[in-house]
């Protein structure tokens, strides 16, 4: 079984590192709110929460845009032997 949630990118914060060649950003995602009929349904079941990601892959950082909405699937991983 999996659970799907809809989150909005609230902030992409680029963090300066001591190493000038290092790239690091913190991405903050919050559940969507009732700005639309569709989001009203999502926010009813996920009224609050936060996901914060620390990302060092420049391509992955560029995948996040302030204000954009993202579907997130949570799927339990079964242990392997």
PDB file of N, CA and C in Angstrom:
ATOM      1  N   UNK A   1       0.844  -1.180   0.000  1.00  0.00           N
ATOM      2  CA  UNK A   1       0.000   0.000   0.000  1.00  0.00           C
ATOM      3  C   UNK A   1       0.889   1.242   0.000  1.00  0.00           C
ATOM      4  N   UNK A   2       0.411   2.279  -0.657  1.00  0.00           N
ATOM      5  CA  UNK A   2       1.148   3.541  -0.655  1.00  0.00           C
ATOM      6  C   UNK A   2       0.197   4.678  -0.318  1.00  0.00           C
ATOM      7  N   UNK A   3       0.778   5.780   0.092  1.00  0.00           N
ATOM      8  CA  UNK A   3       0.026   6.986   0.420  1.00  0.00           C
ATOM      9  C   UNK A   3       0.546   8.093  -0.482  1.00  0.00           C
ATOM     10  N   UNK A   4      -0.355   8.840  -1.073  1.00  0.00           N
ATOM     11  CA  UNK A   4       0.042   9.942  -1.955  1.00  0.00           C
ATOM     12  C   UNK A   4      -0.323  11.252  -1.265  1.00  0.00           C
ATOM     13  N   UNK A   5       0.578  12.218  -1.338  1.00  0.00           N
ATOM     14  CA  UNK A   5       0.345  13.540  -0.758  1.00  0.00           C
ATOM     15  C   UNK A   5       0.719  14.592  -1.802  1.00  0.00           C
ATOM     16  N   UNK A   6       0.103  15.754  -1.697  1.00  0.00           N
ATOM     17  CA  UNK A   6       0.398  16.857  -2.611  1.00  0.00           C
ATOM     18  C   UNK A   6       1.004  17.997  -1.798  1.00  0.00           C
ATOM     19  N   UNK A   7       2.245  18.351  -2.144  1.00  0.00           N
ATOM     20  CA  UNK A   7       2.978  19.387  -1.434  1.00  0.00           C
ATOM     21  C   UNK A   7       3.366  20.495  -2.397  1.00  0.00           C
ATOM     22  N   UNK A   8       3.564  21.684  -1.841  1.00  0.00           N
ATOM     23  CA  UNK A   8       3.999  22.838  -2.615  1.00  0.00           C
ATOM     24  C   UNK A   8       5.393  23.238  -2.149  1.00  0.00           C
ATOM     25  N   UNK A   9       6.250  23.583  -3.112  1.00  0.00           N
ATOM     26  CA  UNK A   9       7.587  24.053  -2.774  1.00  0.00           C
ATOM     27  C   UNK A   9       7.462  25.464  -2.180  1.00  0.00           C
ATOM     28  N   UNK A  10       7.842  25.578  -0.939  1.00  0.00           N
ATOM     29  CA  UNK A  10       7.727  26.843  -0.224  1.00  0.00           C
ATOM     30  C   UNK A  10       9.014  27.660  -0.336  1.00  0.00           C
ATOM     31  N   UNK A  11      10.159  26.944  -0.400  1.00  0.00           N
ATOM     32  CA  UNK A  11      11.431  27.677  -0.422  1.00  0.00           C
ATOM     33  C   UNK A  11      12.542  26.782  -0.978  1.00  0.00           C
ATOM     34  N   UNK A  12      13.376  27.361  -1.812  1.00  0.00           N
ATOM     35  CA  UNK A  12      14.637  26.741  -2.223  1.00  0.00           C
ATOM     36  C   UNK A  12      15.726  27.688  -1.735  1.00  0.00           C
ATOM     37  N   UNK A  13      16.437  27.249  -0.722  1.00  0.00           N
ATOM     38  CA  UNK A  13      17.448  28.121  -0.102  1.00  0.00           C
ATOM     39  C   UNK A  13      18.841  27.567  -0.406  1.00  0.00           C
ATOM     40  N   UNK A  14      19.605  28.331  -1.181  1.00  0.00           N
ATOM     41  CA  UNK A  14      20.968  27.926  -1.515  1.00  0.00           C
ATOM     42  C   UNK A  14      21.873  28.292  -0.344  1.00  0.00           C
ATOM     43  N   UNK A  15      22.610  27.298   0.138  1.00  0.00           N
ATOM     44  CA  UNK A  15      23.480  27.482   1.292  1.00  0.00           C
ATOM     45  C   UNK A  15      24.918  27.514   0.798  1.00  0.00           C
ATOM     46  N   UNK A  16      25.639  28.531   1.211  1.00  0.00           N
ATOM     47  CA  UNK A  16      27.040  28.662   0.801  1.00  0.00           C
ATOM     48  C   UNK A  16      27.891  27.728   1.647  1.00  0.00           C
ATOM     49  N   UNK A  17      28.783  27.035   0.989  1.00  0.00           N
ATOM     50  CA  UNK A  17      29.685  26.090   1.637  1.00  0.00           C
ATOM     51  C   UNK A  17      31.090  26.681   1.707  1.00  0.00           C
ATOM     52  N   UNK A  18      31.892  26.089   2.580  1.00  0.00           N
ATOM     53  CA  UNK A  18      33.293  26.526   2.655  1.00  0.00           C
ATOM     54  C   UNK A  18      34.035  26.172   1.370  1.00  0.00           C
ATOM     55  N   UNK A  19      33.646  25.056   0.770  1.00  0.00           N
ATOM     56  CA  UNK A  19      34.248  24.631  -0.497  1.00  0.00           C
ATOM     57  C   UNK A  19      33.503  25.341  -1.628  1.00  0.00           C
ATOM     58  N   UNK A  20      34.141  26.218  -2.384  1.00  0.00           N
ATOM     59  CA  UNK A  20      33.443  26.974  -3.434  1.00  0.00           C
ATOM     60  C   UNK A  20      32.890  26.085  -4.549  1.00  0.00           C
ATOM     61  N   UNK A  21      33.413  24.865  -4.687  1.00  0.00           N
ATOM     62  CA  UNK A  21      32.914  23.949  -5.713  1.00  0.00           C
ATOM     63  C   UNK A  21      31.724  23.123  -5.233  1.00  0.00           C
ATOM     64  N   UNK A  22      31.429  23.192  -3.949  1.00  0.00           N
ATOM     65  CA  UNK A  22      30.326  22.403  -3.393  1.00  0.00           C
ATOM     66  C   UNK A  22      28.998  23.136  -3.599  1.00  0.00           C
ATOM     67  N   UNK A  23      27.972  22.381  -3.907  1.00  0.00           N
ATOM     68  CA  UNK A  23      26.628  22.928  -4.092  1.00  0.00           C
ATOM     69  C   UNK A  23      25.740  22.297  -3.035  1.00  0.00           C
ATOM     70  N   UNK A  24      24.918  23.117  -2.385  1.00  0.00           N
ATOM     71  CA  UNK A  24      24.010  22.603  -1.368  1.00  0.00           C
ATOM     72  C   UNK A  24      22.802  23.529  -1.300  1.00  0.00           C
ATOM     73  N   UNK A  25      21.625  22.937  -1.289  1.00  0.00           N
ATOM     74  CA  UNK A  25      20.404  23.719  -1.121  1.00  0.00           C
ATOM     75  C   UNK A  25      19.464  22.974  -0.193  1.00  0.00           C
ATOM     76  N   UNK A  26      18.695  23.739   0.557  1.00  0.00           N
ATOM     77  CA  UNK A  26      17.625  23.172   1.365  1.00  0.00           C
ATOM     78  C   UNK A  26      16.309  23.518   0.685  1.00  0.00           C
ATOM     79  N   UNK A  27      15.504  22.493   0.463  1.00  0.00           N
ATOM     80  CA  UNK A  27      14.207  22.658  -0.182  1.00  0.00           C
ATOM     81  C   UNK A  27      13.135  22.350   0.852  1.00  0.00           C
ATOM     82  N   UNK A  28      12.223  23.302   1.048  1.00  0.00           N
ATOM     83  CA  UNK A  28      11.141  23.131   2.016  1.00  0.00           C
ATOM     84  C   UNK A  28       9.822  22.986   1.268  1.00  0.00           C
ATOM     85  N   UNK A  29       9.107  21.903   1.570  1.00  0.00           N
ATOM     86  CA  UNK A  29       7.805  21.633   0.962  1.00  0.00           C
ATOM     87  C   UNK A  29       6.744  21.586   2.060  1.00  0.00           C
ATOM     88  N   UNK A  30       5.591  22.201   1.787  1.00  0.00           N
ATOM     89  CA  UNK A  30       4.469  22.220   2.713  1.00  0.00           C
ATOM     90  C   UNK A  30       3.236  21.668   2.007  1.00  0.00           C
ATOM     91  N   UNK A  31       2.302  21.061   2.750  1.00  0.00           N
ATOM     92  CA  UNK A  31       1.090  20.557   2.109  1.00  0.00           C
ATOM     93  C   UNK A  31       0.339  21.682   1.399  1.00  0.00           C
ATOM     94  N   UNK A  32      -0.324  21.325   0.294  1.00  0.00           N
ATOM     95  CA  UNK A  32      -1.102  22.326  -0.432  1.00  0.00           C
ATOM     96  C   UNK A  32      -2.255  22.807   0.430  1.00  0.00           C
ATOM     97  N   UNK A  33      -2.719  24.013   0.122  1.00  0.00           N
ATOM     98  CA  UNK A  33      -3.858  24.583   0.835  1.00  0.00           C
ATOM     99  C   UNK A  33      -5.010  24.790  -0.136  1.00  0.00           C
ATOM    100  N   UNK A  34      -6.106  25.238   0.372  1.00  0.00           N
ATOM    101  CA  UNK A  34      -7.349  25.312  -0.402  1.00  0.00           C
ATOM    102  C   UNK A  34      -7.390  26.478  -1.382  1.00  0.00           C
ATOM    103  N   UNK A  35      -6.355  26.639  -2.206  1.00  0.00           N
ATOM    104  CA  UNK A  35      -6.357  27.692  -3.223  1.00  0.00           C
ATOM    105  C   UNK A  35      -7.140  27.286  -4.459  1.00  0.00           C
ATOM    106  N   UNK A  36      -7.550  26.040  -4.515  1.00  0.00           N
ATOM    107  CA  UNK A  36      -8.350  25.550  -5.630  1.00  0.00           C
ATOM    108  C   UNK A  36      -9.258  24.441  -5.106  1.00  0.00           C
ATOM    109  N   UNK A  37     -10.232  24.060  -5.891  1.00  0.00           N
ATOM    110  CA  UNK A  37     -11.143  22.983  -5.495  1.00  0.00           C
ATOM    111  C   UNK A  37     -10.362  21.685  -5.272  1.00  0.00           C
ATOM    112  N   UNK A  38      -9.432  21.394  -6.184  1.00  0.00           N
ATOM    113  CA  UNK A  38      -8.625  20.177  -6.053  1.00  0.00           C
ATOM    114  C   UNK A  38      -7.788  20.213  -4.778  1.00  0.00           C
ATOM    115  N   UNK A  39      -7.140  21.352  -4.498  1.00  0.00           N
ATOM    116  CA  UNK A  39      -6.300  21.454  -3.309  1.00  0.00           C
ATOM    117  C   UNK A  39      -7.107  21.426  -2.025  1.00  0.00           C
ATOM    118  N   UNK A  40      -8.345  21.871  -2.070  1.00  0.00           N
ATOM    119  CA  UNK A  40      -9.201  21.790  -0.884  1.00  0.00           C
ATOM    120  C   UNK A  40      -9.359  20.336  -0.463  1.00  0.00           C
ATOM    121  N   UNK A  41      -9.486  19.456  -1.429  1.00  0.00           N
ATOM    122  CA  UNK A  41      -9.601  18.027  -1.130  1.00  0.00           C
ATOM    123  C   UNK A  41      -8.304  17.496  -0.528  1.00  0.00           C
ATOM    124  N   UNK A  42      -7.166  17.850  -1.120  1.00  0.00           N
ATOM    125  CA  UNK A  42      -5.877  17.381  -0.598  1.00  0.00           C
ATOM    126  C   UNK A  42      -5.641  17.909   0.809  1.00  0.00           C
ATOM    127  N   UNK A  43      -5.881  19.193   1.051  1.00  0.00           N
ATOM    128  CA  UNK A  43      -5.570  19.784   2.354  1.00  0.00           C
ATOM    129  C   UNK A  43      -6.485  19.258   3.448  1.00  0.00           C
ATOM    130  N   UNK A  44      -7.630  18.748   3.081  1.00  0.00           N
ATOM    131  CA  UNK A  44      -8.541  18.146   4.062  1.00  0.00           C
ATOM    132  C   UNK A  44      -7.880  16.942   4.743  1.00  0.00           C
ATOM    133  N   UNK A  45      -7.098  16.185   3.973  1.00  0.00           N
ATOM    134  CA  UNK A  45      -6.494  14.958   4.499  1.00  0.00           C
ATOM    135  C   UNK A  45      -5.038  15.128   4.921  1.00  0.00           C
ATOM    136  N   UNK A  46      -4.405  16.191   4.502  1.00  0.00           N
ATOM    137  CA  UNK A  46      -3.039  16.507   4.932  1.00  0.00           C
ATOM    138  C   UNK A  46      -3.021  17.980   5.339  1.00  0.00           C
ATOM    139  N   UNK A  47      -3.619  18.287   6.507  1.00  0.00           N
ATOM    140  CA  UNK A  47      -3.772  19.698   6.874  1.00  0.00           C
ATOM    141  C   UNK A  47      -2.475  20.407   7.262  1.00  0.00           C
ATOM    142  N   UNK A  48      -1.472  19.657   7.712  1.00  0.00           N
ATOM    143  CA  UNK A  48      -0.214  20.317   8.049  1.00  0.00           C
ATOM    144  C   UNK A  48       0.925  19.311   7.969  1.00  0.00           C
ATOM    145  N   UNK A  49       2.121  19.827   7.917  1.00  0.00           N
ATOM    146  CA  UNK A  49       3.315  19.005   7.837  1.00  0.00           C
ATOM    147  C   UNK A  49       4.410  19.776   7.129  1.00  0.00           C
ATOM    148  N   UNK A  50       5.563  19.149   7.013  1.00  0.00           N
ATOM    149  CA  UNK A  50       6.688  19.799   6.341  1.00  0.00           C
ATOM    150  C   UNK A  50       7.680  18.723   5.922  1.00  0.00           C
ATOM    151  N   UNK A  51       8.234  18.893   4.743  1.00  0.00           N
ATOM    152  CA  UNK A  51       9.331  18.053   4.271  1.00  0.00           C
ATOM    153  C   UNK A  51      10.479  18.993   3.934  1.00  0.00           C
ATOM    154  N   UNK A  52      11.629  18.743   4.525  1.00  0.00           N
ATOM    155  CA  UNK A  52      12.812  19.535   4.224  1.00  0.00           C
ATOM    156  C   UNK A  52      13.870  18.592   3.679  1.00  0.00           C
ATOM    157  N   UNK A  53      14.383  18.926   2.506  1.00  0.00           N
ATOM    158  CA  UNK A  53      15.402  18.117   1.856  1.00  0.00           C
ATOM    159  C   UNK A  53      16.703  18.899   1.767  1.00  0.00           C
ATOM    160  N   UNK A  54      17.806  18.259   2.097  1.00  0.00           N
ATOM    161  CA  UNK A  54      19.132  18.815   1.850  1.00  0.00           C
ATOM    162  C   UNK A  54      19.648  18.163   0.579  1.00  0.00           C
ATOM    163  N   UNK A  55      19.937  18.952  -0.442  1.00  0.00           N
ATOM    164  CA  UNK A  55      20.287  18.402  -1.756  1.00  0.00           C
ATOM    165  C   UNK A  55      21.639  18.937  -2.208  1.00  0.00           C
ATOM    166  N   UNK A  56      22.496  18.027  -2.695  1.00  0.00           N
ATOM    167  CA  UNK A  56      23.805  18.432  -3.217  1.00  0.00           C
ATOM    168  C   UNK A  56      23.935  18.186  -4.716  1.00  0.00           C
ATOM    169  N   UNK A  57      22.911  17.645  -5.340  1.00  0.00           N
ATOM    170  CA  UNK A  57      22.920  17.382  -6.777  1.00  0.00           C
ATOM    171  C   UNK A  57      22.318  18.595  -7.489  1.00  0.00           C
ATOM    172  N   UNK A  58      23.108  19.331  -8.280  1.00  0.00           N
ATOM    173  CA  UNK A  58      22.597  20.539  -8.948  1.00  0.00           C
ATOM    174  C   UNK A  58      21.377  20.284  -9.824  1.00  0.00           C
ATOM    175  N   UNK A  59      21.335  19.150 -10.515  1.00  0.00           N
ATOM    176  CA  UNK A  59      20.194  18.831 -11.376  1.00  0.00           C
ATOM    177  C   UNK A  59      18.937  18.635 -10.525  1.00  0.00           C
ATOM    178  N   UNK A  60      19.073  17.972  -9.396  1.00  0.00           N
ATOM    179  CA  UNK A  60      17.927  17.770  -8.504  1.00  0.00           C
ATOM    180  C   UNK A  60      17.451  19.097  -7.913  1.00  0.00           C
ATOM    181  N   UNK A  61      18.366  19.967  -7.572  1.00  0.00           N
ATOM    182  CA  UNK A  61      17.991  21.281  -7.024  1.00  0.00           C
ATOM    183  C   UNK A  61      17.148  22.042  -8.045  1.00  0.00           C
ATOM    184  N   UNK A  62      17.554  21.998  -9.303  1.00  0.00           N
ATOM    185  CA  UNK A  62      16.836  22.714 -10.357  1.00  0.00           C
ATOM    186  C   UNK A  62      15.436  22.153 -10.605  1.00  0.00           C
ATOM    187  N   UNK A  63      15.178  20.934 -10.142  1.00  0.00           N
ATOM    188  CA  UNK A  63      13.856  20.323 -10.333  1.00  0.00           C
ATOM    189  C   UNK A  63      12.793  20.972  -9.444  1.00  0.00           C
ATOM    190  N   UNK A  64      13.218  21.734  -8.440  1.00  0.00           N
ATOM    191  CA  UNK A  64      12.278  22.363  -7.516  1.00  0.00           C
ATOM    192  C   UNK A  64      12.137  23.847  -7.823  1.00  0.00           C
ATOM    193  N   UNK A  65      10.889  24.300  -7.845  1.00  0.00           N
ATOM    194  CA  UNK A  65      10.570  25.688  -8.176  1.00  0.00           C
ATOM    195  C   UNK A  65       9.626  26.233  -7.107  1.00  0.00           C
ATOM    196  N   UNK A  66       9.961  27.394  -6.561  1.00  0.00           N
ATOM    197  CA  UNK A  66       9.088  28.015  -5.558  1.00  0.00           C
ATOM    198  C   UNK A  66       7.669  28.141  -6.095  1.00  0.00           C
ATOM    199  N   UNK A  67       6.702  27.713  -5.302  1.00  0.00           N
ATOM    200  CA  UNK A  67       5.296  27.822  -5.675  1.00  0.00           C
ATOM    201  C   UNK A  67       4.767  26.640  -6.465  1.00  0.00           C
ATOM    202  N   UNK A  68       5.655  25.823  -7.031  1.00  0.00           N
ATOM    203  CA  UNK A  68       5.206  24.664  -7.804  1.00  0.00           C
ATOM    204  C   UNK A  68       4.693  23.571  -6.861  1.00  0.00           C
ATOM    205  N   UNK A  69       3.755  22.772  -7.362  1.00  0.00           N
ATOM    206  CA  UNK A  69       3.168  21.691  -6.578  1.00  0.00           C
ATOM    207  C   UNK A  69       3.712  20.351  -7.053  1.00  0.00           C
ATOM    208  N   UNK A  70       3.886  19.432  -6.101  1.00  0.00           N
ATOM    209  CA  UNK A  70       4.472  18.128  -6.383  1.00  0.00           C
ATOM    210  C   UNK A  70       3.655  17.031  -5.703  1.00  0.00           C
ATOM    211  N   UNK A  71       3.449  15.938  -6.418  1.00  0.00           N
ATOM    212  CA  UNK A  71       2.847  14.756  -5.820  1.00  0.00           C
ATOM    213  C   UNK A  71       3.960  13.896  -5.247  1.00  0.00           C
ATOM    214  N   UNK A  72       3.744  13.407  -4.041  1.00  0.00           N
ATOM    215  CA  UNK A  72       4.746  12.590  -3.357  1.00  0.00           C
ATOM    216  C   UNK A  72       4.089  11.268  -2.983  1.00  0.00           C
ATOM    217  N   UNK A  73       4.729  10.179  -3.372  1.00  0.00           N
ATOM    218  CA  UNK A  73       4.242   8.847  -3.030  1.00  0.00           C
ATOM    219  C   UNK A  73       5.093   8.269  -1.914  1.00  0.00           C
ATOM    220  N   UNK A  74       4.431   7.809  -0.873  1.00  0.00           N
ATOM    221  CA  UNK A  74       5.108   7.128   0.230  1.00  0.00           C
ATOM    222  C   UNK A  74       4.768   5.645   0.104  1.00  0.00           C
ATOM    223  N   UNK A  75       5.766   4.840  -0.194  1.00  0.00           N
ATOM    224  CA  UNK A  75       5.572   3.417  -0.356  1.00  0.00           C
ATOM    225  C   UNK A  75       6.512   2.699   0.622  1.00  0.00           C
ATOM    226  N   UNK A  76       5.942   1.848   1.437  1.00  0.00           N
ATOM    227  CA  UNK A  76       6.732   1.105   2.407  1.00  0.00           C
ATOM    228  C   UNK A  76       7.706   0.182   1.684  1.00  0.00           C
ATOM    229  N   UNK A  77       8.926   0.177   2.144  1.00  0.00           N
ATOM    230  CA  UNK A  77       9.953  -0.694   1.584  1.00  0.00           C
ATOM    231  C   UNK A  77      10.054  -1.926   2.465  1.00  0.00           C
ATOM    232  N   UNK A  78       9.875  -3.061   1.857  1.00  0.00           N
ATOM    233  CA  UNK A  78       9.991  -4.307   2.595  1.00  0.00           C
ATOM    234  C   UNK A  78      11.462  -4.681   2.722  1.00  0.00           C
ATOM    235  N   UNK A  79      11.862  -5.175   3.885  1.00  0.00           N
ATOM    236  CA  UNK A  79      13.273  -5.557   4.065  1.00  0.00           C
ATOM    237  C   UNK A  79      13.650  -6.697   3.115  1.00  0.00           C
ATOM    238  N   UNK A  80      14.892  -6.636   2.657  1.00  0.00           N
ATOM    239  CA  UNK A  80      15.407  -7.710   1.820  1.00  0.00           C
ATOM    240  C   UNK A  80      16.396  -8.536   2.631  1.00  0.00           C
ATOM    241  N   UNK A  81      16.539  -9.768   2.270  1.00  0.00           N
ATOM    242  CA  UNK A  81      17.450 -10.663   3.002  1.00  0.00           C
ATOM    243  C   UNK A  81      18.869 -10.449   2.596  1.00  0.00           C
TER     244      UNK A  81
END
